[in-house]
Amino acid sequence: MYQYPYQHGTSIAHSPRAGSFETSREVEFVVNSRQWCLRAAAVALAGTLSACGNTTGTVGPTATLIGPTWRLVSIEGQAAIPGTHVTAVFGENDRIAGSAGCNRYLGAAVVRGETLVVSPMATTMMNCGAVGVMPQEYAYLGALQGATAYRISGTRLEMGPAPRAVTLVFELD
């Protein structure tokens, strides 16, 4: 990669391999995006490893939101489609990742007390042909992004757009 000075404190980078020019701002965006993806992957891996750490099969009196893998049980009062594995892993550094049933997703989820703000999700773009899976996935991601409150009781996580308004119910996976 070669750097060439450009106007107003910017530079242009040229990659002989790619044969293209990019401004340093674009290069910075690519680097920041890659770092963000690496952090999201680390959060997903950490959640998976923490879920594997419990080998005795026992769970404490109340689980915590951050760390374990939560498996969707119902969405808006309807049971999750049998055979789909919809999960959420809330990680450190305000991250969330999981499976929406067909596609993987990741994004930001800021948790403060029993309130949260979930950002729009980045997802893979596969299409699953099984009946009902894609509509459930769209509904799940919409409900997840609309959730602003949560409550944990034992091994059960309930989320919704307001306290006591439950749209998503999870169990520890």
N, C-alpha and C. Protein backbone atom coordinates (compact mmCIF):
# COMPACT_ATOMS: atom_id res chain seq x y z
N MET A 1 0.87 -1.17 0.00
CA MET A 1 0.00 0.00 0.00
C MET A 1 0.90 1.22 0.00
N TYR A 2 0.70 2.15 -0.91
CA TYR A 2 1.46 3.39 -1.01
C TYR A 2 0.58 4.56 -0.63
N GLN A 3 1.12 5.52 0.13
CA GLN A 3 0.38 6.71 0.54
C GLN A 3 0.82 7.89 -0.31
N TYR A 4 -0.13 8.65 -0.82
CA TYR A 4 0.14 9.87 -1.57
C TYR A 4 -0.57 11.02 -0.89
N PRO A 5 0.15 12.16 -0.61
CA PRO A 5 -0.52 13.30 0.02
C PRO A 5 -1.64 13.82 -0.88
N TYR A 6 -2.68 14.28 -0.27
CA TYR A 6 -3.82 14.83 -1.00
C TYR A 6 -4.25 16.09 -0.29
N GLN A 7 -5.26 16.76 -0.76
CA GLN A 7 -5.67 18.04 -0.20
C GLN A 7 -6.31 17.91 1.18
N HIS A 8 -6.21 18.98 1.96
CA HIS A 8 -6.86 19.13 3.27
C HIS A 8 -6.49 18.03 4.27
N GLY A 9 -5.21 17.66 4.30
CA GLY A 9 -4.76 16.70 5.31
C GLY A 9 -5.16 15.26 5.05
N THR A 10 -5.74 15.00 3.91
CA THR A 10 -6.13 13.63 3.56
C THR A 10 -5.02 13.04 2.70
N SER A 11 -4.97 11.77 2.58
CA SER A 11 -4.03 11.14 1.67
C SER A 11 -4.79 10.10 0.86
N ILE A 12 -4.17 9.70 -0.23
CA ILE A 12 -4.78 8.66 -1.05
C ILE A 12 -3.89 7.43 -0.94
N ALA A 13 -4.51 6.29 -0.73
CA ALA A 13 -3.77 5.04 -0.63
C ALA A 13 -3.98 4.26 -1.91
N HIS A 14 -2.90 3.67 -2.42
CA HIS A 14 -2.99 2.85 -3.61
C HIS A 14 -2.50 1.46 -3.28
N SER A 15 -3.31 0.49 -3.59
CA SER A 15 -2.95 -0.89 -3.35
C SER A 15 -2.62 -1.53 -4.69
N PRO A 16 -1.35 -1.87 -4.94
CA PRO A 16 -1.01 -2.47 -6.23
C PRO A 16 -1.77 -3.77 -6.48
N ARG A 17 -2.03 -4.55 -5.40
CA ARG A 17 -2.76 -5.81 -5.57
C ARG A 17 -4.18 -5.55 -6.03
N ALA A 18 -4.84 -4.63 -5.35
CA ALA A 18 -6.24 -4.36 -5.68
C ALA A 18 -6.36 -3.47 -6.90
N GLY A 19 -5.28 -2.68 -7.20
CA GLY A 19 -5.30 -1.80 -8.35
C GLY A 19 -6.28 -0.65 -8.19
N SER A 20 -6.56 -0.24 -6.95
CA SER A 20 -7.53 0.82 -6.74
C SER A 20 -6.98 1.86 -5.80
N PHE A 21 -7.58 3.05 -5.83
CA PHE A 21 -7.23 4.14 -4.93
C PHE A 21 -8.33 4.27 -3.90
N GLU A 22 -7.94 4.61 -2.68
CA GLU A 22 -8.90 4.86 -1.61
C GLU A 22 -8.40 6.04 -0.81
N THR A 23 -9.29 6.87 -0.32
CA THR A 23 -8.86 7.93 0.58
C THR A 23 -8.55 7.32 1.93
N SER A 24 -7.75 8.01 2.73
CA SER A 24 -7.40 7.46 4.04
C SER A 24 -8.63 7.32 4.91
N ARG A 25 -9.65 8.15 4.68
CA ARG A 25 -10.89 8.00 5.45
C ARG A 25 -11.57 6.67 5.12
N GLU A 26 -11.55 6.29 3.84
CA GLU A 26 -12.14 5.01 3.46
C GLU A 26 -11.34 3.86 4.04
N VAL A 27 -10.02 3.99 4.03
CA VAL A 27 -9.17 2.95 4.62
C VAL A 27 -9.46 2.85 6.11
N GLU A 28 -9.58 4.00 6.79
CA GLU A 28 -9.90 3.99 8.22
C GLU A 28 -11.23 3.30 8.48
N PHE A 29 -12.25 3.54 7.63
CA PHE A 29 -13.54 2.89 7.77
C PHE A 29 -13.41 1.38 7.64
N VAL A 30 -12.63 0.93 6.65
CA VAL A 30 -12.45 -0.51 6.45
C VAL A 30 -11.77 -1.13 7.66
N VAL A 31 -10.73 -0.47 8.17
CA VAL A 31 -10.03 -0.98 9.35
C VAL A 31 -10.97 -1.02 10.54
N ASN A 32 -11.72 0.06 10.79
CA ASN A 32 -12.65 0.08 11.92
C ASN A 32 -13.72 -0.98 11.76
N SER A 33 -14.22 -1.20 10.54
CA SER A 33 -15.24 -2.23 10.30
C SER A 33 -14.68 -3.61 10.60
N ARG A 34 -13.46 -3.86 10.19
CA ARG A 34 -12.85 -5.16 10.46
C ARG A 34 -12.65 -5.37 11.95
N GLN A 35 -12.20 -4.31 12.66
CA GLN A 35 -12.04 -4.42 14.11
C GLN A 35 -13.38 -4.71 14.77
N TRP A 36 -14.45 -4.04 14.32
CA TRP A 36 -15.77 -4.25 14.88
C TRP A 36 -16.21 -5.69 14.66
N CYS A 37 -15.97 -6.22 13.45
CA CYS A 37 -16.36 -7.60 13.16
C CYS A 37 -15.57 -8.58 14.03
N LEU A 38 -14.29 -8.30 14.24
CA LEU A 38 -13.50 -9.16 15.11
C LEU A 38 -14.02 -9.13 16.53
N ARG A 39 -14.40 -7.94 17.02
CA ARG A 39 -14.97 -7.85 18.37
C ARG A 39 -16.27 -8.63 18.46
N ALA A 40 -17.13 -8.50 17.43
CA ALA A 40 -18.41 -9.22 17.44
C ALA A 40 -18.17 -10.73 17.43
N ALA A 41 -17.19 -11.18 16.65
CA ALA A 41 -16.89 -12.61 16.61
C ALA A 41 -16.37 -13.08 17.98
N ALA A 42 -15.55 -12.23 18.62
CA ALA A 42 -15.04 -12.59 19.95
C ALA A 42 -16.17 -12.69 20.96
N VAL A 43 -17.14 -11.78 20.86
CA VAL A 43 -18.29 -11.82 21.77
C VAL A 43 -19.08 -13.11 21.55
N ALA A 44 -19.32 -13.46 20.29
CA ALA A 44 -20.07 -14.68 19.99
C ALA A 44 -19.32 -15.91 20.51
N LEU A 45 -18.01 -15.94 20.31
CA LEU A 45 -17.21 -17.05 20.79
C LEU A 45 -17.20 -17.11 22.31
N ALA A 46 -17.07 -15.96 22.95
CA ALA A 46 -17.08 -15.93 24.42
C ALA A 46 -18.39 -16.45 24.96
N GLY A 47 -19.50 -16.08 24.33
CA GLY A 47 -20.81 -16.57 24.76
C GLY A 47 -20.92 -18.06 24.58
N THR A 48 -20.40 -18.58 23.47
CA THR A 48 -20.43 -20.01 23.22
C THR A 48 -19.59 -20.74 24.25
N LEU A 49 -18.39 -20.22 24.53
CA LEU A 49 -17.53 -20.88 25.50
C LEU A 49 -18.12 -20.83 26.90
N SER A 50 -18.75 -19.70 27.27
CA SER A 50 -19.34 -19.64 28.61
C SER A 50 -20.50 -20.60 28.74
N ALA A 51 -21.23 -20.82 27.65
CA ALA A 51 -22.34 -21.77 27.69
C ALA A 51 -21.81 -23.19 27.85
N CYS A 52 -20.62 -23.46 27.29
CA CYS A 52 -20.03 -24.80 27.39
C CYS A 52 -19.38 -25.04 28.74
N GLY A 53 -19.12 -23.99 29.50
CA GLY A 53 -18.42 -24.13 30.76
C GLY A 53 -19.21 -24.82 31.84
N ASN A 54 -20.53 -24.90 31.74
CA ASN A 54 -21.37 -25.50 32.77
C ASN A 54 -21.54 -26.98 32.46
N THR A 55 -20.65 -27.80 33.02
CA THR A 55 -20.67 -29.22 32.70
C THR A 55 -21.49 -30.04 33.68
N THR A 56 -21.92 -29.44 34.79
CA THR A 56 -22.66 -30.22 35.78
C THR A 56 -24.14 -30.31 35.47
N GLY A 57 -24.63 -29.46 34.59
CA GLY A 57 -26.05 -29.49 34.26
C GLY A 57 -26.90 -28.72 35.24
N THR A 58 -26.29 -28.05 36.21
CA THR A 58 -27.05 -27.27 37.18
C THR A 58 -26.91 -25.80 36.85
N VAL A 59 -27.90 -25.04 37.20
CA VAL A 59 -27.90 -23.60 36.96
C VAL A 59 -28.18 -22.94 38.30
N GLY A 60 -27.52 -21.81 38.52
CA GLY A 60 -27.73 -21.07 39.76
C GLY A 60 -29.16 -20.57 39.85
N PRO A 61 -29.52 -19.91 40.96
CA PRO A 61 -30.89 -19.47 41.16
C PRO A 61 -31.37 -18.47 40.10
N THR A 62 -30.51 -17.55 39.66
CA THR A 62 -30.89 -16.60 38.64
C THR A 62 -29.72 -16.39 37.70
N ALA A 63 -29.98 -16.52 36.41
CA ALA A 63 -28.94 -16.32 35.40
C ALA A 63 -28.72 -14.83 35.20
N THR A 64 -27.63 -14.47 34.55
CA THR A 64 -27.37 -13.09 34.19
C THR A 64 -27.59 -12.91 32.70
N LEU A 65 -27.91 -11.71 32.29
CA LEU A 65 -28.16 -11.44 30.87
C LEU A 65 -26.89 -11.61 30.06
N ILE A 66 -25.79 -11.05 30.54
CA ILE A 66 -24.55 -11.04 29.78
C ILE A 66 -23.79 -12.33 30.00
N GLY A 67 -23.44 -13.00 28.90
CA GLY A 67 -22.62 -14.20 28.98
C GLY A 67 -23.26 -15.45 28.42
N PRO A 68 -24.36 -15.92 29.00
CA PRO A 68 -24.90 -17.21 28.52
C PRO A 68 -25.61 -17.09 27.17
N THR A 69 -25.85 -18.24 26.57
CA THR A 69 -26.64 -18.30 25.34
C THR A 69 -28.09 -18.49 25.71
N TRP A 70 -28.95 -17.62 25.21
CA TRP A 70 -30.39 -17.68 25.44
C TRP A 70 -31.06 -18.24 24.19
N ARG A 71 -31.93 -19.25 24.36
CA ARG A 71 -32.65 -19.89 23.25
C ARG A 71 -34.10 -19.41 23.26
N LEU A 72 -34.59 -18.96 22.11
CA LEU A 72 -35.96 -18.46 21.99
C LEU A 72 -36.97 -19.58 22.21
N VAL A 73 -37.94 -19.32 23.08
CA VAL A 73 -39.03 -20.25 23.36
C VAL A 73 -40.30 -19.80 22.68
N SER A 74 -40.58 -18.48 22.76
CA SER A 74 -41.78 -17.96 22.10
C SER A 74 -41.57 -16.52 21.66
N ILE A 75 -42.36 -16.16 20.65
CA ILE A 75 -42.32 -14.81 20.11
C ILE A 75 -43.76 -14.32 19.98
N GLU A 76 -44.06 -13.23 20.64
CA GLU A 76 -45.40 -12.65 20.65
C GLU A 76 -46.47 -13.69 20.99
N GLY A 77 -46.17 -14.51 22.00
CA GLY A 77 -47.12 -15.50 22.50
C GLY A 77 -47.19 -16.79 21.71
N GLN A 78 -46.48 -16.90 20.59
CA GLN A 78 -46.47 -18.11 19.77
C GLN A 78 -45.17 -18.88 20.00
N ALA A 79 -45.27 -20.18 20.12
CA ALA A 79 -44.07 -21.00 20.31
C ALA A 79 -43.16 -20.88 19.09
N ALA A 80 -41.86 -20.92 19.35
CA ALA A 80 -40.89 -20.90 18.25
C ALA A 80 -41.11 -22.15 17.40
N ILE A 81 -40.84 -22.04 16.11
CA ILE A 81 -41.02 -23.17 15.19
C ILE A 81 -40.10 -24.31 15.61
N PRO A 82 -40.68 -25.51 15.80
CA PRO A 82 -39.85 -26.66 16.19
C PRO A 82 -38.73 -26.90 15.17
N GLY A 83 -37.56 -27.22 15.66
CA GLY A 83 -36.43 -27.49 14.79
C GLY A 83 -35.59 -26.27 14.45
N THR A 84 -36.08 -25.07 14.79
CA THR A 84 -35.25 -23.89 14.57
C THR A 84 -34.50 -23.59 15.86
N HIS A 85 -33.32 -23.08 15.72
CA HIS A 85 -32.49 -22.77 16.89
C HIS A 85 -32.21 -21.27 16.86
N VAL A 86 -33.06 -20.49 17.53
CA VAL A 86 -32.94 -19.04 17.58
C VAL A 86 -32.29 -18.70 18.91
N THR A 87 -31.16 -17.97 18.86
CA THR A 87 -30.41 -17.69 20.07
C THR A 87 -30.02 -16.22 20.17
N ALA A 88 -29.67 -15.81 21.37
CA ALA A 88 -29.12 -14.48 21.63
C ALA A 88 -28.02 -14.62 22.68
N VAL A 89 -26.89 -14.00 22.41
CA VAL A 89 -25.79 -13.94 23.37
C VAL A 89 -25.45 -12.47 23.56
N PHE A 90 -25.69 -11.98 24.77
CA PHE A 90 -25.34 -10.61 25.11
C PHE A 90 -23.93 -10.65 25.66
N GLY A 91 -23.03 -9.86 25.09
CA GLY A 91 -21.64 -9.88 25.50
C GLY A 91 -21.21 -8.59 26.15
N GLU A 92 -20.00 -8.62 26.65
CA GLU A 92 -19.39 -7.41 27.19
C GLU A 92 -19.27 -6.39 26.06
N ASN A 93 -19.00 -5.18 26.40
CA ASN A 93 -18.81 -4.10 25.43
C ASN A 93 -20.06 -3.84 24.59
N ASP A 94 -21.24 -4.06 25.18
CA ASP A 94 -22.51 -3.70 24.54
C ASP A 94 -22.72 -4.40 23.19
N ARG A 95 -22.47 -5.68 23.12
CA ARG A 95 -22.65 -6.44 21.88
C ARG A 95 -23.68 -7.53 22.06
N ILE A 96 -24.30 -7.89 20.93
CA ILE A 96 -25.23 -9.02 20.89
C ILE A 96 -24.97 -9.78 19.60
N ALA A 97 -25.08 -11.08 19.66
CA ALA A 97 -24.90 -11.93 18.48
C ALA A 97 -25.72 -13.19 18.68
N GLY A 98 -25.99 -13.89 17.59
CA GLY A 98 -26.73 -15.14 17.72
C GLY A 98 -27.22 -15.65 16.39
N SER A 99 -28.14 -16.59 16.48
CA SER A 99 -28.78 -17.17 15.30
C SER A 99 -30.24 -16.74 15.29
N ALA A 100 -30.70 -16.28 14.12
CA ALA A 100 -32.10 -15.87 13.99
C ALA A 100 -32.96 -17.02 13.48
N GLY A 101 -32.41 -18.21 13.43
CA GLY A 101 -33.15 -19.38 12.96
C GLY A 101 -32.60 -19.89 11.65
N CYS A 102 -32.27 -18.98 10.76
CA CYS A 102 -31.66 -19.31 9.48
C CYS A 102 -30.33 -18.58 9.36
N ASN A 103 -30.33 -17.30 9.64
CA ASN A 103 -29.16 -16.46 9.50
C ASN A 103 -28.54 -16.10 10.84
N ARG A 104 -27.24 -15.83 10.83
CA ARG A 104 -26.53 -15.32 12.00
C ARG A 104 -26.69 -13.81 12.02
N TYR A 105 -26.67 -13.22 13.21
CA TYR A 105 -26.77 -11.77 13.32
C TYR A 105 -25.82 -11.26 14.38
N LEU A 106 -25.53 -9.98 14.33
CA LEU A 106 -24.75 -9.31 15.35
C LEU A 106 -25.09 -7.84 15.34
N GLY A 107 -24.85 -7.20 16.46
CA GLY A 107 -25.14 -5.78 16.59
C GLY A 107 -24.77 -5.28 17.97
N ALA A 108 -25.26 -4.11 18.28
CA ALA A 108 -25.01 -3.51 19.58
C ALA A 108 -26.26 -3.60 20.45
N ALA A 109 -26.05 -3.84 21.72
CA ALA A 109 -27.14 -3.88 22.70
C ALA A 109 -26.62 -3.26 23.98
N VAL A 110 -27.05 -2.06 24.25
CA VAL A 110 -26.61 -1.34 25.44
C VAL A 110 -27.56 -1.68 26.58
N VAL A 111 -27.02 -2.26 27.64
CA VAL A 111 -27.82 -2.70 28.79
C VAL A 111 -27.51 -1.79 29.97
N ARG A 112 -28.55 -1.20 30.55
CA ARG A 112 -28.41 -0.37 31.74
C ARG A 112 -29.53 -0.77 32.70
N GLY A 113 -29.15 -1.44 33.79
CA GLY A 113 -30.17 -1.92 34.72
C GLY A 113 -31.04 -2.95 34.03
N GLU A 114 -32.36 -2.73 34.03
CA GLU A 114 -33.29 -3.63 33.34
C GLU A 114 -33.83 -3.01 32.06
N THR A 115 -33.09 -2.04 31.51
CA THR A 115 -33.46 -1.45 30.23
C THR A 115 -32.35 -1.73 29.22
N LEU A 116 -32.72 -1.69 27.97
CA LEU A 116 -31.73 -1.91 26.92
C LEU A 116 -32.13 -1.18 25.65
N VAL A 117 -31.13 -0.95 24.83
CA VAL A 117 -31.33 -0.37 23.51
C VAL A 117 -30.59 -1.27 22.54
N VAL A 118 -31.31 -1.83 21.58
CA VAL A 118 -30.73 -2.75 20.61
C VAL A 118 -30.66 -2.05 19.26
N SER A 119 -29.49 -2.06 18.66
CA SER A 119 -29.29 -1.41 17.36
C SER A 119 -29.84 -2.29 16.24
N PRO A 120 -29.98 -1.73 15.04
CA PRO A 120 -30.29 -2.58 13.88
C PRO A 120 -29.18 -3.63 13.73
N MET A 121 -29.55 -4.81 13.30
CA MET A 121 -28.62 -5.93 13.23
C MET A 121 -28.00 -6.08 11.85
N ALA A 122 -26.77 -6.54 11.84
CA ALA A 122 -26.12 -7.01 10.62
C ALA A 122 -26.38 -8.51 10.57
N THR A 123 -26.81 -9.02 9.44
CA THR A 123 -27.12 -10.44 9.33
C THR A 123 -26.49 -11.04 8.08
N THR A 124 -26.34 -12.36 8.11
CA THR A 124 -26.00 -13.05 6.87
C THR A 124 -27.25 -13.01 5.99
N MET A 125 -27.14 -13.40 4.75
CA MET A 125 -28.25 -13.21 3.82
C MET A 125 -28.73 -14.52 3.17
N MET A 126 -28.81 -15.59 3.94
CA MET A 126 -29.30 -16.86 3.40
C MET A 126 -30.82 -16.87 3.40
N ASN A 127 -31.37 -17.66 2.53
CA ASN A 127 -32.82 -17.85 2.50
C ASN A 127 -33.11 -19.30 2.85
N CYS A 128 -33.93 -19.52 3.85
CA CYS A 128 -34.27 -20.88 4.26
C CYS A 128 -35.66 -21.21 3.75
N GLY A 129 -35.79 -22.36 3.15
CA GLY A 129 -37.04 -22.75 2.52
C GLY A 129 -38.05 -23.41 3.44
N ALA A 130 -37.65 -23.80 4.65
CA ALA A 130 -38.58 -24.46 5.56
C ALA A 130 -39.75 -23.52 5.87
N VAL A 131 -40.94 -24.08 5.93
CA VAL A 131 -42.16 -23.30 6.12
C VAL A 131 -42.10 -22.49 7.42
N GLY A 132 -42.30 -21.19 7.29
CA GLY A 132 -42.42 -20.31 8.43
C GLY A 132 -41.12 -19.78 9.02
N VAL A 133 -39.98 -20.31 8.59
CA VAL A 133 -38.71 -19.92 9.21
C VAL A 133 -38.37 -18.47 8.91
N MET A 134 -38.48 -18.04 7.66
CA MET A 134 -38.12 -16.66 7.32
C MET A 134 -39.08 -15.64 7.96
N PRO A 135 -40.40 -15.85 7.93
CA PRO A 135 -41.27 -14.90 8.64
C PRO A 135 -40.97 -14.84 10.14
N GLN A 136 -40.66 -15.99 10.75
CA GLN A 136 -40.30 -15.99 12.17
C GLN A 136 -39.01 -15.20 12.38
N GLU A 137 -38.05 -15.37 11.49
CA GLU A 137 -36.78 -14.66 11.62
C GLU A 137 -36.99 -13.15 11.54
N TYR A 138 -37.78 -12.70 10.56
CA TYR A 138 -38.05 -11.26 10.43
C TYR A 138 -38.77 -10.73 11.67
N ALA A 139 -39.74 -11.48 12.17
CA ALA A 139 -40.47 -11.06 13.36
C ALA A 139 -39.54 -11.02 14.58
N TYR A 140 -38.67 -12.01 14.69
CA TYR A 140 -37.73 -12.07 15.81
C TYR A 140 -36.79 -10.86 15.80
N LEU A 141 -36.16 -10.60 14.65
CA LEU A 141 -35.23 -9.48 14.58
C LEU A 141 -35.93 -8.15 14.84
N GLY A 142 -37.16 -8.01 14.34
CA GLY A 142 -37.92 -6.79 14.61
C GLY A 142 -38.26 -6.63 16.08
N ALA A 143 -38.70 -7.72 16.72
CA ALA A 143 -39.04 -7.67 18.15
C ALA A 143 -37.79 -7.43 18.99
N LEU A 144 -36.68 -8.04 18.59
CA LEU A 144 -35.42 -7.86 19.32
C LEU A 144 -34.97 -6.40 19.25
N GLN A 145 -35.04 -5.82 18.08
CA GLN A 145 -34.63 -4.42 17.91
C GLN A 145 -35.61 -3.46 18.59
N GLY A 146 -36.84 -3.88 18.78
CA GLY A 146 -37.84 -3.05 19.44
C GLY A 146 -37.87 -3.21 20.95
N ALA A 147 -37.10 -4.16 21.47
CA ALA A 147 -37.10 -4.41 22.92
C ALA A 147 -36.37 -3.29 23.65
N THR A 148 -36.98 -2.81 24.72
CA THR A 148 -36.35 -1.78 25.56
C THR A 148 -36.31 -2.19 27.03
N ALA A 149 -36.93 -3.32 27.36
CA ALA A 149 -36.96 -3.77 28.75
C ALA A 149 -36.78 -5.29 28.77
N TYR A 150 -36.20 -5.77 29.87
CA TYR A 150 -36.07 -7.22 30.04
C TYR A 150 -36.20 -7.57 31.51
N ARG A 151 -36.49 -8.85 31.73
CA ARG A 151 -36.61 -9.38 33.09
C ARG A 151 -36.11 -10.82 33.08
N ILE A 152 -35.31 -11.17 34.06
CA ILE A 152 -34.82 -12.54 34.20
C ILE A 152 -35.40 -13.13 35.47
N SER A 153 -35.97 -14.32 35.33
CA SER A 153 -36.51 -15.05 36.46
C SER A 153 -35.98 -16.47 36.37
N GLY A 154 -35.03 -16.82 37.22
CA GLY A 154 -34.42 -18.14 37.16
C GLY A 154 -33.64 -18.30 35.88
N THR A 155 -34.10 -19.22 35.04
CA THR A 155 -33.43 -19.48 33.76
C THR A 155 -34.24 -18.95 32.58
N ARG A 156 -35.17 -18.07 32.86
CA ARG A 156 -36.08 -17.52 31.84
C ARG A 156 -35.79 -16.03 31.64
N LEU A 157 -35.69 -15.61 30.39
CA LEU A 157 -35.49 -14.21 30.01
C LEU A 157 -36.70 -13.75 29.23
N GLU A 158 -37.31 -12.65 29.67
CA GLU A 158 -38.44 -12.06 28.95
C GLU A 158 -38.03 -10.66 28.50
N MET A 159 -38.33 -10.35 27.24
CA MET A 159 -38.00 -9.04 26.67
C MET A 159 -39.22 -8.46 25.98
N GLY A 160 -39.27 -7.12 25.94
CA GLY A 160 -40.37 -6.47 25.25
C GLY A 160 -40.16 -4.98 25.09
N PRO A 161 -41.12 -4.31 24.45
CA PRO A 161 -40.99 -2.89 24.17
C PRO A 161 -41.21 -2.00 25.39
N ALA A 162 -41.66 -2.57 26.49
CA ALA A 162 -41.89 -1.82 27.73
C ALA A 162 -41.89 -2.83 28.88
N PRO A 163 -41.66 -2.35 30.12
CA PRO A 163 -41.73 -3.28 31.26
C PRO A 163 -43.09 -4.00 31.27
N ARG A 164 -43.07 -5.28 31.50
CA ARG A 164 -44.24 -6.16 31.57
C ARG A 164 -44.95 -6.36 30.23
N ALA A 165 -44.41 -5.82 29.15
CA ALA A 165 -44.94 -6.09 27.80
C ALA A 165 -43.98 -7.08 27.16
N VAL A 166 -44.32 -8.35 27.18
CA VAL A 166 -43.40 -9.41 26.75
C VAL A 166 -43.69 -9.81 25.30
N THR A 167 -42.65 -9.69 24.46
CA THR A 167 -42.78 -10.16 23.08
C THR A 167 -41.84 -11.34 22.81
N LEU A 168 -40.75 -11.45 23.57
CA LEU A 168 -39.78 -12.53 23.38
C LEU A 168 -39.55 -13.24 24.70
N VAL A 169 -39.59 -14.57 24.68
CA VAL A 169 -39.28 -15.37 25.87
C VAL A 169 -38.18 -16.35 25.50
N PHE A 170 -37.13 -16.36 26.33
CA PHE A 170 -35.97 -17.22 26.12
C PHE A 170 -35.77 -18.10 27.34
N GLU A 171 -35.08 -19.21 27.14
CA GLU A 171 -34.58 -20.06 28.22
C GLU A 171 -33.08 -20.22 28.01
N LEU A 172 -32.36 -20.49 29.08
CA LEU A 172 -30.93 -20.77 28.94
C LEU A 172 -30.76 -21.96 28.01
N ASP A 173 -29.81 -21.88 27.13
CA ASP A 173 -29.55 -22.95 26.15
C ASP A 173 -28.60 -23.96 26.75
